[in-house]
Amino acid sequence: MEKGFYTNKKINFDSFAINKFVPHIYDPYAHVSIPCGSSALSLLTGVDPFILSASNKNKDHTSDKFMLSILKSNGFKIAKLTQCSVSNNRTRVLENNIKYYHVLLVSQLVLRNECSWSVIYDQYIFHNFLVNLLKPLEFLNRPVITSYLLFHKKYK
């Protein structure tokens, strides 16, 4: 996760709280050829993963810029998370700003020079339409490169 900078502009984490998360899960085996970024976007937006994959001009990489442009065009509110933005609001050492009722989009380093996109909600991690329990060592074994806090009105 990027360090970022401390500023007077703080993330209002409560404004990203949701009451329901409605992921669009396609058959992971029928969509095995879909890149993880397109899978994550499809899971969040409901747009066909093949359409999303075809709209990405760079077939070898799904950039943050591409991910954010698709999410914004589908009505998502987005806050980039950095070490500073997460810790900027804290008033107590053990206070957590990110909670189980937040939706996160994360890019993690999974192989040498290769990242992968996942969506996290509650205690679950969604990757390529597969759903797994989020394990305590996930972010040590696959370090977070970038992460975003997401909100959409359909989650209220």
N, C-alpha and C. Protein backbone atom coordinates (compact mmCIF):
# COMPACT_ATOMS: atom_id res chain seq x y z
N MET A 1 0.86 -1.17 0.00
CA MET A 1 0.00 0.00 0.00
C MET A 1 0.90 1.23 0.00
N GLU A 2 0.53 2.18 -0.83
CA GLU A 2 1.30 3.41 -0.91
C GLU A 2 1.26 4.16 0.42
N LYS A 3 2.33 4.90 0.68
CA LYS A 3 2.39 5.67 1.92
C LYS A 3 1.43 6.86 1.88
N GLY A 4 1.43 7.62 0.79
CA GLY A 4 0.58 8.80 0.68
C GLY A 4 1.12 9.94 1.52
N PHE A 5 0.26 10.92 1.81
CA PHE A 5 0.64 12.10 2.59
C PHE A 5 -0.48 12.45 3.55
N TYR A 6 -0.11 12.99 4.70
CA TYR A 6 -1.12 13.50 5.63
C TYR A 6 -1.59 14.86 5.14
N THR A 7 -2.90 15.02 5.01
CA THR A 7 -3.48 16.29 4.59
C THR A 7 -4.66 16.60 5.49
N ASN A 8 -5.21 17.78 5.32
CA ASN A 8 -6.41 18.15 6.07
C ASN A 8 -7.65 17.46 5.52
N LYS A 9 -7.57 16.96 4.27
CA LYS A 9 -8.70 16.26 3.67
C LYS A 9 -8.69 14.82 4.17
N LYS A 10 -9.70 14.49 4.94
CA LYS A 10 -9.80 13.14 5.52
C LYS A 10 -10.94 12.37 4.87
N ILE A 11 -10.78 11.06 4.78
CA ILE A 11 -11.84 10.21 4.24
C ILE A 11 -12.93 10.06 5.31
N ASN A 12 -14.17 10.27 4.91
CA ASN A 12 -15.29 10.00 5.78
C ASN A 12 -15.67 8.52 5.59
N PHE A 13 -15.07 7.67 6.39
CA PHE A 13 -15.26 6.22 6.23
C PHE A 13 -16.72 5.82 6.41
N ASP A 14 -17.45 6.52 7.27
CA ASP A 14 -18.86 6.19 7.49
C ASP A 14 -19.70 6.40 6.23
N SER A 15 -19.30 7.32 5.36
CA SER A 15 -20.07 7.56 4.13
C SER A 15 -19.90 6.42 3.13
N PHE A 16 -18.98 5.51 3.37
CA PHE A 16 -18.77 4.35 2.52
C PHE A 16 -19.39 3.08 3.12
N ALA A 17 -20.04 3.21 4.27
CA ALA A 17 -20.67 2.05 4.91
C ALA A 17 -21.85 1.57 4.07
N ILE A 18 -22.02 0.25 3.98
CA ILE A 18 -23.12 -0.29 3.19
C ILE A 18 -23.98 -1.21 4.04
N ASN A 19 -25.23 -1.41 3.58
CA ASN A 19 -26.16 -2.32 4.25
C ASN A 19 -26.23 -3.67 3.57
N LYS A 20 -25.95 -3.69 2.28
CA LYS A 20 -25.98 -4.96 1.54
C LYS A 20 -24.96 -4.89 0.41
N PHE A 21 -24.34 -6.01 0.15
CA PHE A 21 -23.41 -6.13 -0.96
C PHE A 21 -23.98 -7.15 -1.92
N VAL A 22 -24.13 -6.74 -3.16
CA VAL A 22 -24.76 -7.60 -4.16
C VAL A 22 -23.73 -7.87 -5.27
N PRO A 23 -22.87 -8.87 -5.08
CA PRO A 23 -21.89 -9.17 -6.12
C PRO A 23 -22.54 -9.92 -7.28
N HIS A 24 -22.05 -9.65 -8.47
CA HIS A 24 -22.52 -10.35 -9.67
C HIS A 24 -21.51 -11.45 -9.95
N ILE A 25 -21.87 -12.67 -9.58
CA ILE A 25 -20.93 -13.79 -9.69
C ILE A 25 -21.28 -14.65 -10.89
N TYR A 26 -20.34 -14.73 -11.80
CA TYR A 26 -20.48 -15.58 -12.98
C TYR A 26 -19.78 -16.91 -12.71
N ASP A 27 -20.03 -17.89 -13.55
CA ASP A 27 -19.39 -19.19 -13.42
C ASP A 27 -17.88 -19.02 -13.61
N PRO A 28 -17.08 -19.29 -12.59
CA PRO A 28 -15.64 -19.06 -12.70
C PRO A 28 -14.96 -19.97 -13.73
N TYR A 29 -15.53 -21.13 -13.96
CA TYR A 29 -14.91 -22.07 -14.89
C TYR A 29 -15.23 -21.72 -16.34
N ALA A 30 -16.38 -21.12 -16.58
CA ALA A 30 -16.74 -20.68 -17.92
C ALA A 30 -16.04 -19.37 -18.28
N HIS A 31 -15.48 -18.69 -17.27
CA HIS A 31 -14.84 -17.39 -17.48
C HIS A 31 -13.36 -17.43 -17.09
N VAL A 32 -12.76 -18.57 -17.19
CA VAL A 32 -11.37 -18.74 -16.76
C VAL A 32 -10.40 -17.89 -17.59
N SER A 33 -10.77 -17.54 -18.82
CA SER A 33 -9.88 -16.75 -19.68
C SER A 33 -9.97 -15.25 -19.40
N ILE A 34 -10.89 -14.85 -18.56
CA ILE A 34 -11.08 -13.43 -18.26
C ILE A 34 -10.02 -12.96 -17.27
N PRO A 35 -9.35 -11.84 -17.55
CA PRO A 35 -8.36 -11.31 -16.59
C PRO A 35 -9.03 -10.93 -15.27
N CYS A 36 -8.25 -10.97 -14.21
CA CYS A 36 -8.79 -10.72 -12.87
C CYS A 36 -9.39 -9.31 -12.73
N GLY A 37 -8.82 -8.33 -13.41
CA GLY A 37 -9.36 -6.97 -13.33
C GLY A 37 -10.77 -6.90 -13.91
N SER A 38 -10.96 -7.53 -15.06
CA SER A 38 -12.29 -7.56 -15.68
C SER A 38 -13.27 -8.35 -14.83
N SER A 39 -12.79 -9.41 -14.20
CA SER A 39 -13.65 -10.20 -13.30
C SER A 39 -14.09 -9.35 -12.11
N ALA A 40 -13.16 -8.61 -11.52
CA ALA A 40 -13.48 -7.77 -10.37
C ALA A 40 -14.48 -6.69 -10.76
N LEU A 41 -14.25 -6.05 -11.92
CA LEU A 41 -15.17 -5.02 -12.39
C LEU A 41 -16.55 -5.59 -12.65
N SER A 42 -16.62 -6.75 -13.26
CA SER A 42 -17.90 -7.39 -13.55
C SER A 42 -18.63 -7.75 -12.26
N LEU A 43 -17.89 -8.26 -11.29
CA LEU A 43 -18.47 -8.62 -9.99
C LEU A 43 -19.12 -7.39 -9.34
N LEU A 44 -18.49 -6.23 -9.50
CA LEU A 44 -18.99 -5.00 -8.89
C LEU A 44 -20.10 -4.34 -9.70
N THR A 45 -19.96 -4.33 -11.03
CA THR A 45 -20.89 -3.56 -11.87
C THR A 45 -22.01 -4.38 -12.48
N GLY A 46 -21.79 -5.67 -12.69
CA GLY A 46 -22.76 -6.50 -13.38
C GLY A 46 -22.57 -6.50 -14.88
N VAL A 47 -21.62 -5.71 -15.38
CA VAL A 47 -21.34 -5.68 -16.82
C VAL A 47 -20.67 -6.99 -17.21
N ASP A 48 -21.04 -7.53 -18.37
CA ASP A 48 -20.49 -8.80 -18.86
C ASP A 48 -18.96 -8.74 -18.85
N PRO A 49 -18.30 -9.74 -18.24
CA PRO A 49 -16.84 -9.72 -18.13
C PRO A 49 -16.13 -9.76 -19.49
N PHE A 50 -16.75 -10.39 -20.50
CA PHE A 50 -16.14 -10.42 -21.83
C PHE A 50 -16.14 -9.03 -22.46
N ILE A 51 -17.19 -8.26 -22.24
CA ILE A 51 -17.26 -6.89 -22.75
C ILE A 51 -16.20 -6.03 -22.07
N LEU A 52 -16.07 -6.17 -20.75
CA LEU A 52 -15.07 -5.39 -20.02
C LEU A 52 -13.66 -5.75 -20.49
N SER A 53 -13.41 -7.03 -20.65
CA SER A 53 -12.08 -7.47 -21.09
C SER A 53 -11.76 -6.93 -22.48
N ALA A 54 -12.74 -6.95 -23.37
CA ALA A 54 -12.53 -6.45 -24.74
C ALA A 54 -12.32 -4.95 -24.77
N SER A 55 -12.87 -4.23 -23.79
CA SER A 55 -12.74 -2.76 -23.78
C SER A 55 -11.39 -2.29 -23.23
N ASN A 56 -10.64 -3.20 -22.62
CA ASN A 56 -9.32 -2.85 -22.10
C ASN A 56 -8.31 -2.97 -23.23
N LYS A 57 -7.72 -1.85 -23.63
CA LYS A 57 -6.77 -1.85 -24.75
C LYS A 57 -5.49 -2.60 -24.44
N ASN A 58 -5.10 -2.63 -23.18
CA ASN A 58 -3.89 -3.34 -22.77
C ASN A 58 -4.28 -4.73 -22.28
N LYS A 59 -4.12 -5.71 -23.10
CA LYS A 59 -4.58 -7.07 -22.77
C LYS A 59 -3.72 -7.75 -21.70
N ASP A 60 -2.49 -7.24 -21.50
CA ASP A 60 -1.58 -7.87 -20.53
C ASP A 60 -1.67 -7.27 -19.14
N HIS A 61 -2.40 -6.15 -19.01
CA HIS A 61 -2.42 -5.45 -17.72
C HIS A 61 -3.73 -4.68 -17.58
N THR A 62 -4.29 -4.75 -16.39
CA THR A 62 -5.49 -3.96 -16.09
C THR A 62 -5.07 -2.88 -15.10
N SER A 63 -4.90 -1.67 -15.60
CA SER A 63 -4.36 -0.57 -14.81
C SER A 63 -5.38 -0.01 -13.82
N ASP A 64 -4.87 0.67 -12.82
CA ASP A 64 -5.74 1.37 -11.87
C ASP A 64 -6.62 2.37 -12.64
N LYS A 65 -6.03 3.07 -13.60
CA LYS A 65 -6.76 4.08 -14.36
C LYS A 65 -7.96 3.45 -15.07
N PHE A 66 -7.76 2.29 -15.69
CA PHE A 66 -8.86 1.60 -16.37
C PHE A 66 -9.92 1.18 -15.35
N MET A 67 -9.49 0.58 -14.26
CA MET A 67 -10.43 0.11 -13.23
C MET A 67 -11.29 1.26 -12.71
N LEU A 68 -10.64 2.37 -12.37
CA LEU A 68 -11.36 3.50 -11.80
C LEU A 68 -12.30 4.16 -12.80
N SER A 69 -11.88 4.22 -14.07
CA SER A 69 -12.75 4.85 -15.07
C SER A 69 -14.04 4.03 -15.27
N ILE A 70 -13.93 2.71 -15.26
CA ILE A 70 -15.12 1.87 -15.39
C ILE A 70 -16.02 2.02 -14.17
N LEU A 71 -15.43 2.01 -12.99
CA LEU A 71 -16.23 2.15 -11.77
C LEU A 71 -16.93 3.51 -11.71
N LYS A 72 -16.20 4.58 -12.03
CA LYS A 72 -16.80 5.92 -12.01
C LYS A 72 -17.94 6.02 -13.02
N SER A 73 -17.74 5.44 -14.21
CA SER A 73 -18.79 5.52 -15.23
C SER A 73 -20.02 4.69 -14.86
N ASN A 74 -19.87 3.81 -13.87
CA ASN A 74 -21.00 3.00 -13.38
C ASN A 74 -21.52 3.51 -12.04
N GLY A 75 -21.17 4.75 -11.69
CA GLY A 75 -21.77 5.40 -10.52
C GLY A 75 -21.14 5.10 -9.18
N PHE A 76 -19.93 4.59 -9.15
CA PHE A 76 -19.27 4.28 -7.88
C PHE A 76 -18.58 5.52 -7.31
N LYS A 77 -18.66 5.65 -6.01
CA LYS A 77 -17.88 6.62 -5.25
C LYS A 77 -16.62 5.88 -4.81
N ILE A 78 -15.45 6.52 -4.98
CA ILE A 78 -14.18 5.83 -4.75
C ILE A 78 -13.27 6.70 -3.90
N ALA A 79 -12.59 6.06 -2.94
CA ALA A 79 -11.55 6.73 -2.16
C ALA A 79 -10.30 5.86 -2.20
N LYS A 80 -9.20 6.44 -2.64
CA LYS A 80 -7.94 5.70 -2.66
C LYS A 80 -7.43 5.59 -1.22
N LEU A 81 -7.05 4.39 -0.85
CA LEU A 81 -6.52 4.16 0.49
C LEU A 81 -5.00 4.14 0.46
N THR A 82 -4.41 4.90 1.35
CA THR A 82 -2.97 4.89 1.54
C THR A 82 -2.72 4.70 3.04
N GLN A 83 -1.49 4.47 3.40
CA GLN A 83 -1.18 4.33 4.82
C GLN A 83 -1.60 5.59 5.58
N CYS A 84 -1.34 6.75 4.99
CA CYS A 84 -1.70 8.00 5.66
C CYS A 84 -3.20 8.24 5.69
N SER A 85 -3.90 7.95 4.58
CA SER A 85 -5.35 8.22 4.58
C SER A 85 -6.09 7.30 5.54
N VAL A 86 -5.60 6.10 5.75
CA VAL A 86 -6.25 5.17 6.68
C VAL A 86 -5.99 5.58 8.13
N SER A 87 -4.80 6.06 8.41
CA SER A 87 -4.45 6.40 9.80
C SER A 87 -4.75 7.85 10.15
N ASN A 88 -5.11 8.69 9.19
CA ASN A 88 -5.32 10.12 9.40
C ASN A 88 -6.49 10.42 10.33
N ASN A 89 -7.52 9.61 10.34
CA ASN A 89 -8.73 9.87 11.14
C ASN A 89 -8.67 9.29 12.55
N ARG A 90 -7.71 8.48 12.82
CA ARG A 90 -7.70 7.76 14.10
C ARG A 90 -7.53 8.69 15.29
N THR A 91 -8.27 8.35 16.33
CA THR A 91 -8.11 9.07 17.59
C THR A 91 -7.54 8.15 18.66
N ARG A 92 -7.61 6.82 18.39
CA ARG A 92 -7.06 5.83 19.31
C ARG A 92 -6.21 4.86 18.51
N VAL A 93 -5.21 4.30 19.14
CA VAL A 93 -4.27 3.41 18.47
C VAL A 93 -4.95 2.20 17.85
N LEU A 94 -5.87 1.57 18.55
CA LEU A 94 -6.48 0.34 18.07
C LEU A 94 -7.81 0.55 17.34
N GLU A 95 -8.11 1.78 16.98
CA GLU A 95 -9.34 2.08 16.26
C GLU A 95 -9.20 1.62 14.80
N ASN A 96 -10.26 1.01 14.27
CA ASN A 96 -10.28 0.58 12.87
C ASN A 96 -11.21 1.46 12.07
N ASN A 97 -10.67 2.09 11.03
CA ASN A 97 -11.52 2.89 10.14
C ASN A 97 -12.18 2.03 9.09
N ILE A 98 -11.50 0.99 8.63
CA ILE A 98 -12.05 0.07 7.64
C ILE A 98 -12.70 -1.08 8.40
N LYS A 99 -13.97 -1.28 8.10
CA LYS A 99 -14.74 -2.28 8.85
C LYS A 99 -15.33 -3.32 7.89
N TYR A 100 -15.99 -4.31 8.47
CA TYR A 100 -16.58 -5.38 7.66
C TYR A 100 -17.66 -4.90 6.72
N TYR A 101 -18.26 -3.76 7.00
CA TYR A 101 -19.33 -3.26 6.13
C TYR A 101 -18.82 -2.32 5.04
N HIS A 102 -17.54 -2.42 4.73
CA HIS A 102 -16.95 -1.66 3.62
C HIS A 102 -16.61 -2.62 2.48
N VAL A 103 -16.69 -2.10 1.25
CA VAL A 103 -16.28 -2.85 0.06
C VAL A 103 -14.94 -2.28 -0.39
N LEU A 104 -13.99 -3.19 -0.60
CA LEU A 104 -12.64 -2.78 -1.00
C LEU A 104 -12.26 -3.43 -2.32
N LEU A 105 -11.58 -2.67 -3.14
CA LEU A 105 -10.96 -3.19 -4.36
C LEU A 105 -9.46 -3.12 -4.11
N VAL A 106 -8.78 -4.26 -4.23
CA VAL A 106 -7.34 -4.29 -3.93
C VAL A 106 -6.55 -4.93 -5.07
N SER A 107 -5.39 -4.37 -5.31
CA SER A 107 -4.42 -4.95 -6.22
C SER A 107 -3.29 -5.49 -5.36
N GLN A 108 -3.00 -6.79 -5.52
CA GLN A 108 -1.99 -7.43 -4.68
C GLN A 108 -0.89 -8.02 -5.55
N LEU A 109 0.33 -7.97 -5.04
CA LEU A 109 1.46 -8.59 -5.72
C LEU A 109 1.39 -10.09 -5.47
N VAL A 110 1.15 -10.86 -6.54
CA VAL A 110 0.95 -12.30 -6.38
C VAL A 110 2.11 -13.13 -6.91
N LEU A 111 2.80 -12.61 -7.89
CA LEU A 111 3.99 -13.25 -8.46
C LEU A 111 5.02 -12.15 -8.72
N ARG A 112 6.19 -12.55 -9.10
CA ARG A 112 7.21 -11.56 -9.43
C ARG A 112 6.69 -10.66 -10.55
N ASN A 113 6.60 -9.37 -10.26
CA ASN A 113 6.13 -8.36 -11.23
C ASN A 113 4.73 -8.62 -11.77
N GLU A 114 3.89 -9.29 -11.00
CA GLU A 114 2.51 -9.52 -11.43
C GLU A 114 1.54 -9.28 -10.27
N CYS A 115 0.59 -8.39 -10.54
CA CYS A 115 -0.45 -8.10 -9.55
C CYS A 115 -1.77 -8.74 -9.97
N SER A 116 -2.67 -8.83 -9.02
CA SER A 116 -3.99 -9.38 -9.27
C SER A 116 -5.02 -8.57 -8.50
N TRP A 117 -6.18 -8.37 -9.12
CA TRP A 117 -7.27 -7.60 -8.52
C TRP A 117 -8.24 -8.52 -7.79
N SER A 118 -8.66 -8.08 -6.60
CA SER A 118 -9.67 -8.79 -5.81
C SER A 118 -10.62 -7.77 -5.20
N VAL A 119 -11.77 -8.27 -4.79
CA VAL A 119 -12.75 -7.46 -4.08
C VAL A 119 -12.91 -8.08 -2.70
N ILE A 120 -12.96 -7.22 -1.68
CA ILE A 120 -13.10 -7.70 -0.30
C ILE A 120 -14.36 -7.09 0.30
N TYR A 121 -15.14 -7.95 0.92
CA TYR A 121 -16.30 -7.50 1.68
C TYR A 121 -16.50 -8.45 2.85
N ASP A 122 -16.80 -7.87 4.01
CA ASP A 122 -17.00 -8.64 5.22
C ASP A 122 -15.75 -9.47 5.47
N GLN A 123 -15.86 -10.75 5.58
CA GLN A 123 -14.69 -11.60 5.81
C GLN A 123 -14.35 -12.42 4.57
N TYR A 124 -14.76 -11.90 3.39
CA TYR A 124 -14.60 -12.66 2.16
C TYR A 124 -13.75 -11.92 1.14
N ILE A 125 -13.02 -12.69 0.35
CA ILE A 125 -12.26 -12.15 -0.75
C ILE A 125 -12.77 -12.80 -2.03
N PHE A 126 -13.08 -11.98 -3.01
CA PHE A 126 -13.62 -12.43 -4.29
C PHE A 126 -12.52 -12.26 -5.33
N HIS A 127 -12.14 -13.35 -5.98
CA HIS A 127 -11.11 -13.29 -7.01
C HIS A 127 -11.52 -14.20 -8.16
N ASN A 128 -11.61 -13.63 -9.35
CA ASN A 128 -12.02 -14.39 -10.55
C ASN A 128 -13.31 -15.18 -10.31
N PHE A 129 -14.27 -14.55 -9.67
CA PHE A 129 -15.59 -15.10 -9.37
C PHE A 129 -15.57 -16.25 -8.36
N LEU A 130 -14.46 -16.47 -7.73
CA LEU A 130 -14.39 -17.44 -6.64
C LEU A 130 -14.46 -16.67 -5.33
N VAL A 131 -15.11 -17.24 -4.35
CA VAL A 131 -15.29 -16.59 -3.05
C VAL A 131 -14.58 -17.44 -2.00
N ASN A 132 -13.71 -16.79 -1.23
CA ASN A 132 -12.98 -17.48 -0.16
C ASN A 132 -13.01 -16.65 1.10
N LEU A 133 -12.87 -17.33 2.23
CA LEU A 133 -12.69 -16.60 3.49
C LEU A 133 -11.36 -15.86 3.45
N LEU A 134 -11.37 -14.64 3.93
CA LEU A 134 -10.15 -13.84 3.99
C LEU A 134 -9.30 -14.37 5.14
N LYS A 135 -8.11 -14.79 4.83
CA LYS A 135 -7.23 -15.38 5.85
C LYS A 135 -6.33 -14.32 6.47
N PRO A 136 -5.97 -14.48 7.73
CA PRO A 136 -5.19 -13.47 8.44
C PRO A 136 -3.85 -13.09 7.78
N LEU A 137 -3.23 -14.00 7.08
CA LEU A 137 -1.92 -13.72 6.50
C LEU A 137 -1.99 -13.30 5.03
N GLU A 138 -3.19 -13.08 4.52
CA GLU A 138 -3.39 -12.74 3.10
C GLU A 138 -2.49 -11.60 2.64
N PHE A 139 -2.43 -10.52 3.42
CA PHE A 139 -1.72 -9.33 2.95
C PHE A 139 -0.22 -9.36 3.24
N LEU A 140 0.22 -10.37 3.97
CA LEU A 140 1.66 -10.59 4.11
C LEU A 140 2.16 -11.46 2.96
N ASN A 141 1.38 -12.46 2.60
CA ASN A 141 1.76 -13.36 1.51
C ASN A 141 1.55 -12.73 0.13
N ARG A 142 0.60 -11.85 0.00
CA ARG A 142 0.31 -11.14 -1.25
C ARG A 142 0.12 -9.66 -0.89
N PRO A 143 1.24 -8.93 -0.83
CA PRO A 143 1.18 -7.53 -0.37
C PRO A 143 0.27 -6.65 -1.23
N VAL A 144 -0.41 -5.74 -0.56
CA VAL A 144 -1.31 -4.80 -1.24
C VAL A 144 -0.45 -3.73 -1.93
N ILE A 145 -0.71 -3.54 -3.21
CA ILE A 145 -0.03 -2.49 -3.98
C ILE A 145 -0.89 -1.24 -3.96
N THR A 146 -2.16 -1.37 -4.38
CA THR A 146 -3.11 -0.26 -4.28
C THR A 146 -4.44 -0.80 -3.76
N SER A 147 -5.18 0.08 -3.10
CA SER A 147 -6.49 -0.32 -2.59
C SER A 147 -7.44 0.87 -2.62
N TYR A 148 -8.71 0.55 -2.81
CA TYR A 148 -9.74 1.57 -2.93
C TYR A 148 -10.96 1.17 -2.12
N LEU A 149 -11.53 2.15 -1.47
CA LEU A 149 -12.79 2.00 -0.74
C LEU A 149 -13.90 2.38 -1.72
N LEU A 150 -14.92 1.53 -1.82
CA LEU A 150 -15.98 1.74 -2.82
C LEU A 150 -17.35 1.89 -2.18
N PHE A 151 -18.19 2.66 -2.84
CA PHE A 151 -19.59 2.79 -2.44
C PHE A 151 -20.43 2.95 -3.68
N HIS A 152 -21.61 2.32 -3.67
CA HIS A 152 -22.60 2.52 -4.74
C HIS A 152 -23.97 2.57 -4.09
N LYS A 153 -24.83 3.39 -4.64
CA LYS A 153 -26.17 3.56 -4.04
C LYS A 153 -26.96 2.25 -3.98
N LYS A 154 -26.64 1.29 -4.85
CA LYS A 154 -27.35 0.00 -4.80
C LYS A 154 -26.98 -0.81 -3.55
N TYR A 155 -25.94 -0.40 -2.85
CA TYR A 155 -25.52 -1.09 -1.62
C TYR A 155 -26.25 -0.58 -0.38
N LYS A 156 -27.05 0.48 -0.51
CA LYS A 156 -27.77 1.03 0.64
C LYS A 156 -29.03 0.27 0.94
